[in-house]
Amino acid sequence: MANHISAIENTRKIERRTAVNQQRRTRLRHQIRAMRRAMDGKDVKAAEELLPKTFSLVDRAAKWGIIKVNTASRYKSRMHNRFKKMQSAA
């Protein structure tokens, strides 16, 4: 247990930041999952609507430090390639 006032304050701050980061990580996972479901279901219109929202959330997650920048780029690249492939097949 922390003994100094500043250590106790830092512990409280870390708990708040952890809660925020967990919410952001969960939101990111749900958005990516929704995008993947739309692509798996060959729903071009839904995927087209979700693509910019998903990219925006992935970029923000990278900016916040939830995921690394290269991970964000990989997610976006793979999603975009799948989307283009699905769009051309339709």
PDB file of N, CA and C in Angstrom:
ATOM      1  N   MET A   1       0.843  -1.176   0.000  1.00  0.00           N
ATOM      2  CA  MET A   1       0.000   0.000   0.000  1.00  0.00           C
ATOM      3  C   MET A   1       0.886   1.236   0.000  1.00  0.00           C
ATOM      4  N   ALA A   2       0.455   2.247  -0.730  1.00  0.00           N
ATOM      5  CA  ALA A   2       1.224   3.484  -0.827  1.00  0.00           C
ATOM      6  C   ALA A   2       1.166   4.236   0.502  1.00  0.00           C
ATOM      7  N   ASN A   3       2.287   4.821   0.863  1.00  0.00           N
ATOM      8  CA  ASN A   3       2.365   5.540   2.133  1.00  0.00           C
ATOM      9  C   ASN A   3       2.337   7.051   1.967  1.00  0.00           C
ATOM     10  N   HIS A   4       2.848   7.571   0.876  1.00  0.00           N
ATOM     11  CA  HIS A   4       2.906   9.015   0.668  1.00  0.00           C
ATOM     12  C   HIS A   4       1.630   9.513  -0.002  1.00  0.00           C
ATOM     13  N   ILE A   5       1.311  10.754   0.263  1.00  0.00           N
ATOM     14  CA  ILE A   5       0.100  11.358  -0.303  1.00  0.00           C
ATOM     15  C   ILE A   5       0.159  11.321  -1.830  1.00  0.00           C
ATOM     16  N   SER A   6       1.313  11.686  -2.396  1.00  0.00           N
ATOM     17  CA  SER A   6       1.418  11.726  -3.857  1.00  0.00           C
ATOM     18  C   SER A   6       1.269  10.325  -4.453  1.00  0.00           C
ATOM     19  N   ALA A   7       1.765   9.306  -3.769  1.00  0.00           N
ATOM     20  CA  ALA A   7       1.632   7.936  -4.263  1.00  0.00           C
ATOM     21  C   ALA A   7       0.173   7.490  -4.228  1.00  0.00           C
ATOM     22  N   ILE A   8      -0.545   7.900  -3.197  1.00  0.00           N
ATOM     23  CA  ILE A   8      -1.972   7.568  -3.098  1.00  0.00           C
ATOM     24  C   ILE A   8      -2.744   8.258  -4.218  1.00  0.00           C
ATOM     25  N   GLU A   9      -2.412   9.533  -4.482  1.00  0.00           N
ATOM     26  CA  GLU A   9      -3.066  10.272  -5.562  1.00  0.00           C
ATOM     27  C   GLU A   9      -2.766   9.625  -6.910  1.00  0.00           C
ATOM     28  N   ASN A  10      -1.517   9.215  -7.103  1.00  0.00           N
ATOM     29  CA  ASN A  10      -1.150   8.563  -8.364  1.00  0.00           C
ATOM     30  C   ASN A  10      -1.900   7.249  -8.540  1.00  0.00           C
ATOM     31  N   THR A  11      -2.100   6.529  -7.472  1.00  0.00           N
ATOM     32  CA  THR A  11      -2.850   5.268  -7.538  1.00  0.00           C
ATOM     33  C   THR A  11      -4.278   5.525  -7.989  1.00  0.00           C
ATOM     34  N   ARG A  12      -4.895   6.564  -7.436  1.00  0.00           N
ATOM     35  CA  ARG A  12      -6.263   6.907  -7.842  1.00  0.00           C
ATOM     36  C   ARG A  12      -6.305   7.318  -9.311  1.00  0.00           C
ATOM     37  N   LYS A  13      -5.307   8.094  -9.734  1.00  0.00           N
ATOM     38  CA  LYS A  13      -5.252   8.543 -11.124  1.00  0.00           C
ATOM     39  C   LYS A  13      -5.082   7.348 -12.063  1.00  0.00           C
ATOM     40  N   ILE A  14      -4.227   6.419 -11.698  1.00  0.00           N
ATOM     41  CA  ILE A  14      -3.994   5.229 -12.525  1.00  0.00           C
ATOM     42  C   ILE A  14      -5.272   4.410 -12.650  1.00  0.00           C
ATOM     43  N   GLU A  15      -6.024   4.287 -11.572  1.00  0.00           N
ATOM     44  CA  GLU A  15      -7.285   3.534 -11.626  1.00  0.00           C
ATOM     45  C   GLU A  15      -8.274   4.192 -12.582  1.00  0.00           C
ATOM     46  N   ARG A  16      -8.345   5.529 -12.560  1.00  0.00           N
ATOM     47  CA  ARG A  16      -9.246   6.232 -13.475  1.00  0.00           C
ATOM     48  C   ARG A  16      -8.804   6.048 -14.922  1.00  0.00           C
ATOM     49  N   ARG A  17      -7.511   6.180 -15.191  1.00  0.00           N
ATOM     50  CA  ARG A  17      -6.997   6.041 -16.547  1.00  0.00           C
ATOM     51  C   ARG A  17      -7.186   4.605 -17.057  1.00  0.00           C
ATOM     52  N   THR A  18      -7.015   3.624 -16.173  1.00  0.00           N
ATOM     53  CA  THR A  18      -7.210   2.233 -16.554  1.00  0.00           C
ATOM     54  C   THR A  18      -8.653   1.997 -16.983  1.00  0.00           C
ATOM     55  N   ALA A  19      -9.593   2.568 -16.249  1.00  0.00           N
ATOM     56  CA  ALA A  19     -11.007   2.417 -16.601  1.00  0.00           C
ATOM     57  C   ALA A  19     -11.296   3.039 -17.969  1.00  0.00           C
ATOM     58  N   VAL A  20     -10.740   4.213 -18.217  1.00  0.00           N
ATOM     59  CA  VAL A  20     -10.946   4.885 -19.504  1.00  0.00           C
ATOM     60  C   VAL A  20     -10.342   4.057 -20.634  1.00  0.00           C
ATOM     61  N   ASN A  21      -9.127   3.572 -20.420  1.00  0.00           N
ATOM     62  CA  ASN A  21      -8.458   2.780 -21.456  1.00  0.00           C
ATOM     63  C   ASN A  21      -9.204   1.480 -21.740  1.00  0.00           C
ATOM     64  N   GLN A  22      -9.765   0.855 -20.718  1.00  0.00           N
ATOM     65  CA  GLN A  22     -10.538  -0.366 -20.926  1.00  0.00           C
ATOM     66  C   GLN A  22     -11.782  -0.085 -21.763  1.00  0.00           C
ATOM     67  N   GLN A  23     -12.450   1.042 -21.487  1.00  0.00           N
ATOM     68  CA  GLN A  23     -13.623   1.404 -22.281  1.00  0.00           C
ATOM     69  C   GLN A  23     -13.244   1.632 -23.738  1.00  0.00           C
ATOM     70  N   ARG A  24     -12.136   2.338 -23.947  1.00  0.00           N
ATOM     71  CA  ARG A  24     -11.699   2.622 -25.309  1.00  0.00           C
ATOM     72  C   ARG A  24     -11.311   1.352 -26.045  1.00  0.00           C
ATOM     73  N   ARG A  25     -10.611   0.454 -25.373  1.00  0.00           N
ATOM     74  CA  ARG A  25     -10.195  -0.810 -25.988  1.00  0.00           C
ATOM     75  C   ARG A  25     -11.417  -1.651 -26.349  1.00  0.00           C
ATOM     76  N   THR A  26     -12.409  -1.694 -25.453  1.00  0.00           N
ATOM     77  CA  THR A  26     -13.635  -2.445 -25.703  1.00  0.00           C
ATOM     78  C   THR A  26     -14.386  -1.859 -26.896  1.00  0.00           C
ATOM     79  N   ARG A  27     -14.472  -0.530 -26.955  1.00  0.00           N
ATOM     80  CA  ARG A  27     -15.165   0.126 -28.058  1.00  0.00           C
ATOM     81  C   ARG A  27     -14.471  -0.176 -29.384  1.00  0.00           C
ATOM     82  N   LEU A  28     -13.148  -0.180 -29.364  1.00  0.00           N
ATOM     83  CA  LEU A  28     -12.387  -0.500 -30.570  1.00  0.00           C
ATOM     84  C   LEU A  28     -12.671  -1.934 -31.019  1.00  0.00           C
ATOM     85  N   ARG A  29     -12.625  -2.868 -30.097  1.00  0.00           N
ATOM     86  CA  ARG A  29     -12.869  -4.266 -30.446  1.00  0.00           C
ATOM     87  C   ARG A  29     -14.277  -4.465 -31.010  1.00  0.00           C
ATOM     88  N   HIS A  30     -15.269  -3.804 -30.407  1.00  0.00           N
ATOM     89  CA  HIS A  30     -16.644  -3.936 -30.883  1.00  0.00           C
ATOM     90  C   HIS A  30     -16.800  -3.356 -32.287  1.00  0.00           C
ATOM     91  N   GLN A  31     -16.129  -2.233 -32.550  1.00  0.00           N
ATOM     92  CA  GLN A  31     -16.217  -1.609 -33.872  1.00  0.00           C
ATOM     93  C   GLN A  31     -15.577  -2.501 -34.936  1.00  0.00           C
ATOM     94  N   ILE A  32     -14.413  -3.059 -34.611  1.00  0.00           N
ATOM     95  CA  ILE A  32     -13.739  -3.953 -35.553  1.00  0.00           C
ATOM     96  C   ILE A  32     -14.579  -5.199 -35.783  1.00  0.00           C
ATOM     97  N   ARG A  33     -15.181  -5.715 -34.727  1.00  0.00           N
ATOM     98  CA  ARG A  33     -16.033  -6.904 -34.836  1.00  0.00           C
ATOM     99  C   ARG A  33     -17.237  -6.622 -35.723  1.00  0.00           C
ATOM    100  N   ALA A  34     -17.852  -5.448 -35.570  1.00  0.00           N
ATOM    101  CA  ALA A  34     -19.003  -5.086 -36.397  1.00  0.00           C
ATOM    102  C   ALA A  34     -18.600  -4.991 -37.868  1.00  0.00           C
ATOM    103  N   MET A  35     -17.432  -4.417 -38.110  1.00  0.00           N
ATOM    104  CA  MET A  35     -16.943  -4.291 -39.485  1.00  0.00           C
ATOM    105  C   MET A  35     -16.695  -5.668 -40.093  1.00  0.00           C
ATOM    106  N   ARG A  36     -16.078  -6.552 -39.332  1.00  0.00           N
ATOM    107  CA  ARG A  36     -15.805  -7.904 -39.829  1.00  0.00           C
ATOM    108  C   ARG A  36     -17.090  -8.672 -40.094  1.00  0.00           C
ATOM    109  N   ARG A  37     -18.081  -8.489 -39.245  1.00  0.00           N
ATOM    110  CA  ARG A  37     -19.368  -9.171 -39.457  1.00  0.00           C
ATOM    111  C   ARG A  37     -20.044  -8.678 -40.726  1.00  0.00           C
ATOM    112  N   ALA A  38     -19.967  -7.373 -40.968  1.00  0.00           N
ATOM    113  CA  ALA A  38     -20.558  -6.821 -42.186  1.00  0.00           C
ATOM    114  C   ALA A  38     -19.861  -7.387 -43.421  1.00  0.00           C
ATOM    115  N   MET A  39     -18.536  -7.536 -43.334  1.00  0.00           N
ATOM    116  CA  MET A  39     -17.799  -8.074 -44.481  1.00  0.00           C
ATOM    117  C   MET A  39     -18.033  -9.571 -44.641  1.00  0.00           C
ATOM    118  N   ASP A  40     -18.149 -10.289 -43.535  1.00  0.00           N
ATOM    119  CA  ASP A  40     -18.428 -11.723 -43.615  1.00  0.00           C
ATOM    120  C   ASP A  40     -19.803 -11.984 -44.210  1.00  0.00           C
ATOM    121  N   GLY A  41     -20.743 -11.097 -43.905  1.00  0.00           N
ATOM    122  CA  GLY A  41     -22.097 -11.235 -44.422  1.00  0.00           C
ATOM    123  C   GLY A  41     -22.269 -10.678 -45.817  1.00  0.00           C
ATOM    124  N   LYS A  42     -21.179 -10.222 -46.432  1.00  0.00           N
ATOM    125  CA  LYS A  42     -21.194  -9.655 -47.794  1.00  0.00           C
ATOM    126  C   LYS A  42     -22.149  -8.469 -47.903  1.00  0.00           C
ATOM    127  N   ASP A  43     -22.292  -7.730 -46.826  1.00  0.00           N
ATOM    128  CA  ASP A  43     -23.179  -6.562 -46.801  1.00  0.00           C
ATOM    129  C   ASP A  43     -22.360  -5.323 -47.174  1.00  0.00           C
ATOM    130  N   VAL A  44     -22.344  -5.006 -48.466  1.00  0.00           N
ATOM    131  CA  VAL A  44     -21.499  -3.918 -48.973  1.00  0.00           C
ATOM    132  C   VAL A  44     -21.934  -2.577 -48.400  1.00  0.00           C
ATOM    133  N   LYS A  45     -23.224  -2.347 -48.340  1.00  0.00           N
ATOM    134  CA  LYS A  45     -23.720  -1.045 -47.871  1.00  0.00           C
ATOM    135  C   LYS A  45     -23.351  -0.806 -46.404  1.00  0.00           C
ATOM    136  N   ALA A  46     -23.552  -1.806 -45.554  1.00  0.00           N
ATOM    137  CA  ALA A  46     -23.209  -1.655 -44.133  1.00  0.00           C
ATOM    138  C   ALA A  46     -21.702  -1.481 -43.957  1.00  0.00           C
ATOM    139  N   ALA A  47     -20.926  -2.254 -44.713  1.00  0.00           N
ATOM    140  CA  ALA A  47     -19.471  -2.150 -44.613  1.00  0.00           C
ATOM    141  C   ALA A  47     -18.996  -0.780 -45.085  1.00  0.00           C
ATOM    142  N   GLU A  48     -19.644  -0.253 -46.112  1.00  0.00           N
ATOM    143  CA  GLU A  48     -19.279   1.067 -46.631  1.00  0.00           C
ATOM    144  C   GLU A  48     -19.539   2.158 -45.591  1.00  0.00           C
ATOM    145  N   GLU A  49     -20.605   2.007 -44.821  1.00  0.00           N
ATOM    146  CA  GLU A  49     -20.914   2.981 -43.771  1.00  0.00           C
ATOM    147  C   GLU A  49     -19.970   2.832 -42.580  1.00  0.00           C
ATOM    148  N   LEU A  50     -19.602   1.600 -42.267  1.00  0.00           N
ATOM    149  CA  LEU A  50     -18.757   1.351 -41.098  1.00  0.00           C
ATOM    150  C   LEU A  50     -17.279   1.635 -41.336  1.00  0.00           C
ATOM    151  N   LEU A  51     -16.837   1.594 -42.579  1.00  0.00           N
ATOM    152  CA  LEU A  51     -15.413   1.723 -42.875  1.00  0.00           C
ATOM    153  C   LEU A  51     -14.803   3.024 -42.352  1.00  0.00           C
ATOM    154  N   PRO A  52     -15.351   4.207 -42.655  1.00  0.00           N
ATOM    155  CA  PRO A  52     -14.718   5.428 -42.133  1.00  0.00           C
ATOM    156  C   PRO A  52     -14.787   5.532 -40.608  1.00  0.00           C
ATOM    157  N   LYS A  53     -15.876   5.057 -40.020  1.00  0.00           N
ATOM    158  CA  LYS A  53     -15.994   5.094 -38.558  1.00  0.00           C
ATOM    159  C   LYS A  53     -14.949   4.192 -37.922  1.00  0.00           C
ATOM    160  N   THR A  54     -14.759   3.022 -38.507  1.00  0.00           N
ATOM    161  CA  THR A  54     -13.785   2.072 -37.973  1.00  0.00           C
ATOM    162  C   THR A  54     -12.373   2.616 -38.119  1.00  0.00           C
ATOM    163  N   PHE A  55     -12.059   3.167 -39.284  1.00  0.00           N
ATOM    164  CA  PHE A  55     -10.728   3.735 -39.499  1.00  0.00           C
ATOM    165  C   PHE A  55     -10.456   4.869 -38.520  1.00  0.00           C
ATOM    166  N   SER A  56     -11.451   5.693 -38.298  1.00  0.00           N
ATOM    167  CA  SER A  56     -11.296   6.809 -37.361  1.00  0.00           C
ATOM    168  C   SER A  56     -11.007   6.308 -35.949  1.00  0.00           C
ATOM    169  N   LEU A  57     -11.749   5.296 -35.539  1.00  0.00           N
ATOM    170  CA  LEU A  57     -11.561   4.754 -34.196  1.00  0.00           C
ATOM    171  C   LEU A  57     -10.209   4.055 -34.054  1.00  0.00           C
ATOM    172  N   VAL A  58      -9.779   3.376 -35.098  1.00  0.00           N
ATOM    173  CA  VAL A  58      -8.468   2.716 -35.070  1.00  0.00           C
ATOM    174  C   VAL A  58      -7.362   3.766 -34.961  1.00  0.00           C
ATOM    175  N   ASP A  59      -7.483   4.842 -35.727  1.00  0.00           N
ATOM    176  CA  ASP A  59      -6.482   5.913 -35.668  1.00  0.00           C
ATOM    177  C   ASP A  59      -6.445   6.569 -34.291  1.00  0.00           C
ATOM    178  N   ARG A  60      -7.615   6.815 -33.725  1.00  0.00           N
ATOM    179  CA  ARG A  60      -7.660   7.421 -32.390  1.00  0.00           C
ATOM    180  C   ARG A  60      -7.087   6.494 -31.335  1.00  0.00           C
ATOM    181  N   ALA A  61      -7.359   5.189 -31.463  1.00  0.00           N
ATOM    182  CA  ALA A  61      -6.807   4.223 -30.509  1.00  0.00           C
ATOM    183  C   ALA A  61      -5.284   4.215 -30.583  1.00  0.00           C
ATOM    184  N   ALA A  62      -4.739   4.352 -31.788  1.00  0.00           N
ATOM    185  CA  ALA A  62      -3.285   4.416 -31.938  1.00  0.00           C
ATOM    186  C   ALA A  62      -2.744   5.702 -31.315  1.00  0.00           C
ATOM    187  N   LYS A  63      -3.473   6.790 -31.495  1.00  0.00           N
ATOM    188  CA  LYS A  63      -3.042   8.069 -30.917  1.00  0.00           C
ATOM    189  C   LYS A  63      -3.068   8.019 -29.388  1.00  0.00           C
ATOM    190  N   TRP A  64      -4.078   7.369 -28.832  1.00  0.00           N
ATOM    191  CA  TRP A  64      -4.198   7.250 -27.373  1.00  0.00           C
ATOM    192  C   TRP A  64      -3.207   6.259 -26.784  1.00  0.00           C
ATOM    193  N   GLY A  65      -2.633   5.394 -27.634  1.00  0.00           N
ATOM    194  CA  GLY A  65      -1.702   4.397 -27.137  1.00  0.00           C
ATOM    195  C   GLY A  65      -2.361   3.081 -26.769  1.00  0.00           C
ATOM    196  N   ILE A  66      -3.609   2.904 -27.177  1.00  0.00           N
ATOM    197  CA  ILE A  66      -4.322   1.658 -26.907  1.00  0.00           C
ATOM    198  C   ILE A  66      -3.713   0.536 -27.746  1.00  0.00           C
ATOM    199  N   ILE A  67      -3.418   0.855 -29.012  1.00  0.00           N
ATOM    200  CA  ILE A  67      -2.706  -0.070 -29.892  1.00  0.00           C
ATOM    201  C   ILE A  67      -1.537   0.695 -30.502  1.00  0.00           C
ATOM    202  N   LYS A  68      -0.575  -0.038 -31.030  1.00  0.00           N
ATOM    203  CA  LYS A  68       0.587   0.604 -31.651  1.00  0.00           C
ATOM    204  C   LYS A  68       0.221   1.104 -33.046  1.00  0.00           C
ATOM    205  N   VAL A  69       1.017   2.047 -33.532  1.00  0.00           N
ATOM    206  CA  VAL A  69       0.736   2.672 -34.822  1.00  0.00           C
ATOM    207  C   VAL A  69       0.803   1.648 -35.957  1.00  0.00           C
ATOM    208  N   ASN A  70       1.790   0.768 -35.916  1.00  0.00           N
ATOM    209  CA  ASN A  70       1.901  -0.236 -36.976  1.00  0.00           C
ATOM    210  C   ASN A  70       0.744  -1.232 -36.928  1.00  0.00           C
ATOM    211  N   THR A  71       0.266  -1.534 -35.739  1.00  0.00           N
ATOM    212  CA  THR A  71      -0.895  -2.417 -35.596  1.00  0.00           C
ATOM    213  C   THR A  71      -2.118  -1.759 -36.222  1.00  0.00           C
ATOM    214  N   ALA A  72      -2.276  -0.471 -35.978  1.00  0.00           N
ATOM    215  CA  ALA A  72      -3.396   0.267 -36.564  1.00  0.00           C
ATOM    216  C   ALA A  72      -3.302   0.247 -38.084  1.00  0.00           C
ATOM    217  N   SER A  73      -2.108   0.458 -38.610  1.00  0.00           N
ATOM    218  CA  SER A  73      -1.924   0.436 -40.063  1.00  0.00           C
ATOM    219  C   SER A  73      -2.252  -0.937 -40.636  1.00  0.00           C
ATOM    220  N   ARG A  74      -1.851  -1.979 -39.941  1.00  0.00           N
ATOM    221  CA  ARG A  74      -2.117  -3.342 -40.404  1.00  0.00           C
ATOM    222  C   ARG A  74      -3.622  -3.620 -40.419  1.00  0.00           C
ATOM    223  N   TYR A  75      -4.313  -3.241 -39.340  1.00  0.00           N
ATOM    224  CA  TYR A  75      -5.764  -3.427 -39.287  1.00  0.00           C
ATOM    225  C   TYR A  75      -6.444  -2.720 -40.455  1.00  0.00           C
ATOM    226  N   LYS A  76      -6.072  -1.463 -40.662  1.00  0.00           N
ATOM    227  CA  LYS A  76      -6.706  -0.664 -41.706  1.00  0.00           C
ATOM    228  C   LYS A  76      -6.421  -1.242 -43.088  1.00  0.00           C
ATOM    229  N   SER A  77      -5.183  -1.659 -43.313  1.00  0.00           N
ATOM    230  CA  SER A  77      -4.810  -2.208 -44.610  1.00  0.00           C
ATOM    231  C   SER A  77      -5.590  -3.482 -44.908  1.00  0.00           C
ATOM    232  N   ARG A  78      -5.649  -4.370 -43.945  1.00  0.00           N
ATOM    233  CA  ARG A  78      -6.345  -5.640 -44.169  1.00  0.00           C
ATOM    234  C   ARG A  78      -7.841  -5.444 -44.349  1.00  0.00           C
ATOM    235  N   MET A  79      -8.412  -4.536 -43.557  1.00  0.00           N
ATOM    236  CA  MET A  79      -9.844  -4.263 -43.706  1.00  0.00           C
ATOM    237  C   MET A  79     -10.140  -3.649 -45.063  1.00  0.00           C
ATOM    238  N   HIS A  80      -9.297  -2.709 -45.478  1.00  0.00           N
ATOM    239  CA  HIS A  80      -9.529  -2.034 -46.752  1.00  0.00           C
ATOM    240  C   HIS A  80      -9.380  -3.003 -47.917  1.00  0.00           C
ATOM    241  N   ASN A  81      -8.386  -3.878 -47.860  1.00  0.00           N
ATOM    242  CA  ASN A  81      -8.218  -4.872 -48.922  1.00  0.00           C
ATOM    243  C   ASN A  81      -9.412  -5.819 -48.993  1.00  0.00           C
ATOM    244  N   ARG A  82      -9.895  -6.274 -47.835  1.00  0.00           N
ATOM    245  CA  ARG A  82     -11.082  -7.141 -47.828  1.00  0.00           C
ATOM    246  C   ARG A  82     -12.300  -6.406 -48.366  1.00  0.00           C
ATOM    247  N   PHE A  83     -12.415  -5.126 -48.012  1.00  0.00           N
ATOM    248  CA  PHE A  83     -13.561  -4.330 -48.464  1.00  0.00           C
ATOM    249  C   PHE A  83     -13.520  -4.171 -49.982  1.00  0.00           C
ATOM    250  N   LYS A  84     -12.359  -3.842 -50.530  1.00  0.00           N
ATOM    251  CA  LYS A  84     -12.229  -3.684 -51.981  1.00  0.00           C
ATOM    252  C   LYS A  84     -12.536  -4.987 -52.713  1.00  0.00           C
ATOM    253  N   LYS A  85     -12.059  -6.097 -52.163  1.00  0.00           N
ATOM    254  CA  LYS A  85     -12.314  -7.403 -52.761  1.00  0.00           C
ATOM    255  C   LYS A  85     -13.799  -7.726 -52.749  1.00  0.00           C
ATOM    256  N   MET A  86     -14.459  -7.448 -51.615  1.00  0.00           N
ATOM    257  CA  MET A  86     -15.880  -7.697 -51.488  1.00  0.00           C
ATOM    258  C   MET A  86     -16.677  -6.783 -52.432  1.00  0.00           C
ATOM    259  N   GLN A  87     -16.239  -5.530 -52.541  1.00  0.00           N
ATOM    260  CA  GLN A  87     -16.937  -4.555 -53.379  1.00  0.00           C
ATOM    261  C   GLN A  87     -16.842  -4.935 -54.851  1.00  0.00           C
ATOM    262  N   SER A  88     -15.687  -5.403 -55.273  1.00  0.00           N
ATOM    263  CA  SER A  88     -15.520  -5.770 -56.686  1.00  0.00           C
ATOM    264  C   SER A  88     -16.286  -7.059 -57.015  1.00  0.00           C
ATOM    265  N   ALA A  89     -16.445  -7.936 -56.029  1.00  0.00           N
ATOM    266  CA  ALA A  89     -17.175  -9.188 -56.256  1.00  0.00           C
ATOM    267  C   ALA A  89     -18.676  -8.936 -56.366  1.00  0.00           C
ATOM    268  N   ALA A  90     -19.137  -7.864 -55.734  1.00  0.00           N
ATOM    269  CA  ALA A  90     -20.588  -7.592 -55.723  1.00  0.00           C
ATOM    270  C   ALA A  90     -21.057  -6.918 -56.996  1.00  0.00           C
TER     271      ALA A  90
END
